[in-house]
């Protein structure tokens, strides 16, 4: 499993979706997501999602790959068994 920090895109309906960076702007990344992604946490203060993604999911521009240890440093105990 791969862990990533993912920026937030707020759509016209006010829903907070995963974003990617395209030509310097945050845009909705929903069309690029595959099944098996798990949102482990939403952090409104940053704002970002913490996702665990399957290997088949491409890491998109603007996503930050993290280790389980790095995530637990930011969010203690979020990833169990580390």
Protein backbone atom coordinates (compact mmCIF):
# COMPACT_ATOMS: atom_id res chain seq x y z
CA UNK A 1 0.00 0.00 0.00
CA UNK A 2 1.18 3.50 -0.81
CA UNK A 3 0.30 6.52 1.32
CA UNK A 4 -0.15 10.03 -0.03
CA UNK A 5 -1.21 13.50 1.03
CA UNK A 6 -3.73 14.82 -1.45
CA UNK A 7 -4.83 18.46 -1.79
CA UNK A 8 -8.52 19.37 -1.74
CA UNK A 9 -10.67 20.71 -4.56
CA UNK A 10 -14.05 22.19 -3.56
CA UNK A 11 -16.53 21.71 -6.38
CA UNK A 12 -19.55 23.90 -7.23
CA UNK A 13 -21.77 21.87 -4.90
CA UNK A 14 -19.35 22.47 -2.02
CA UNK A 15 -18.10 18.87 -1.93
CA UNK A 16 -14.45 18.43 -1.00
CA UNK A 17 -12.85 16.13 -3.57
CA UNK A 18 -9.33 14.95 -4.19
CA UNK A 19 -7.39 17.41 -6.31
CA UNK A 20 -4.42 17.36 -8.63
CA UNK A 21 -2.28 20.17 -9.99
CA UNK A 22 -2.83 20.98 -13.63
CA UNK A 23 -1.08 23.94 -15.25
CA UNK A 24 -0.45 25.41 -11.80
CA UNK A 25 -4.07 25.18 -10.62
CA UNK A 26 -5.86 22.75 -8.34
CA UNK A 27 -8.47 20.81 -10.31
CA UNK A 28 -10.79 17.93 -9.47
CA UNK A 29 -9.00 14.58 -9.74
CA UNK A 30 -12.10 12.35 -9.54
CA UNK A 31 -11.82 11.17 -13.15
CA UNK A 32 -8.27 9.91 -12.48
CA UNK A 33 -9.10 7.80 -9.41
CA UNK A 34 -9.43 4.03 -9.49
CA UNK A 35 -11.09 1.67 -7.01
CA UNK A 36 -9.37 0.67 -3.80
CA UNK A 37 -8.45 4.13 -2.55
CA UNK A 38 -9.12 4.63 1.16
CA UNK A 39 -9.40 8.08 2.73
CA UNK A 40 -7.72 7.63 6.10
CA UNK A 41 -8.19 11.21 7.25
CA UNK A 42 -9.46 14.59 6.15
CA UNK A 43 -7.51 17.50 7.64
CA UNK A 44 -9.45 20.73 7.19
CA UNK A 45 -6.62 22.78 8.72
CA UNK A 46 -4.18 22.08 5.87
CA UNK A 47 -6.50 21.20 3.87
CA UNK A 48 -5.72 17.72 2.60
CA UNK A 49 -6.73 14.10 2.58
CA UNK A 50 -4.52 11.25 3.72
CA UNK A 51 -5.11 8.38 1.28
CA UNK A 52 -3.88 4.84 1.09
CA UNK A 53 -3.81 3.92 -2.57
CA UNK A 54 -3.31 0.64 -4.44
CA UNK A 55 -0.17 0.25 -6.52
CA UNK A 56 -2.21 0.60 -9.72
CA UNK A 57 -3.22 4.17 -8.82
CA UNK A 58 -0.89 6.69 -10.40
CA UNK A 59 0.41 9.36 -8.02
CA UNK A 60 -0.91 12.56 -9.55
CA UNK A 61 0.77 15.95 -9.74
CA UNK A 62 0.39 17.71 -6.41
CA UNK A 63 0.15 14.47 -4.42
CA UNK A 64 2.87 13.89 -1.85
CA UNK A 65 3.98 10.30 -1.24
CA UNK A 66 4.63 9.57 2.45
CA UNK A 67 5.78 6.64 4.54
CA UNK A 68 3.58 5.26 7.29
CA UNK A 69 6.06 6.65 9.80
CA UNK A 70 5.83 10.15 8.33
CA UNK A 71 2.04 10.03 8.47
CA UNK A 72 2.09 8.83 12.07
CA UNK A 73 4.44 11.71 12.93
CA UNK A 74 1.79 14.14 11.64
CA UNK A 75 -1.24 12.10 12.81
CA UNK A 76 -0.17 9.88 15.73
CA UNK A 77 -1.61 6.37 15.58
CA UNK A 78 -3.40 6.81 12.25
CA UNK A 79 -1.55 3.91 10.63
CA UNK A 80 -1.61 0.90 12.92
CA UNK A 81 1.09 -1.78 13.04
CA UNK A 82 3.98 0.53 12.20
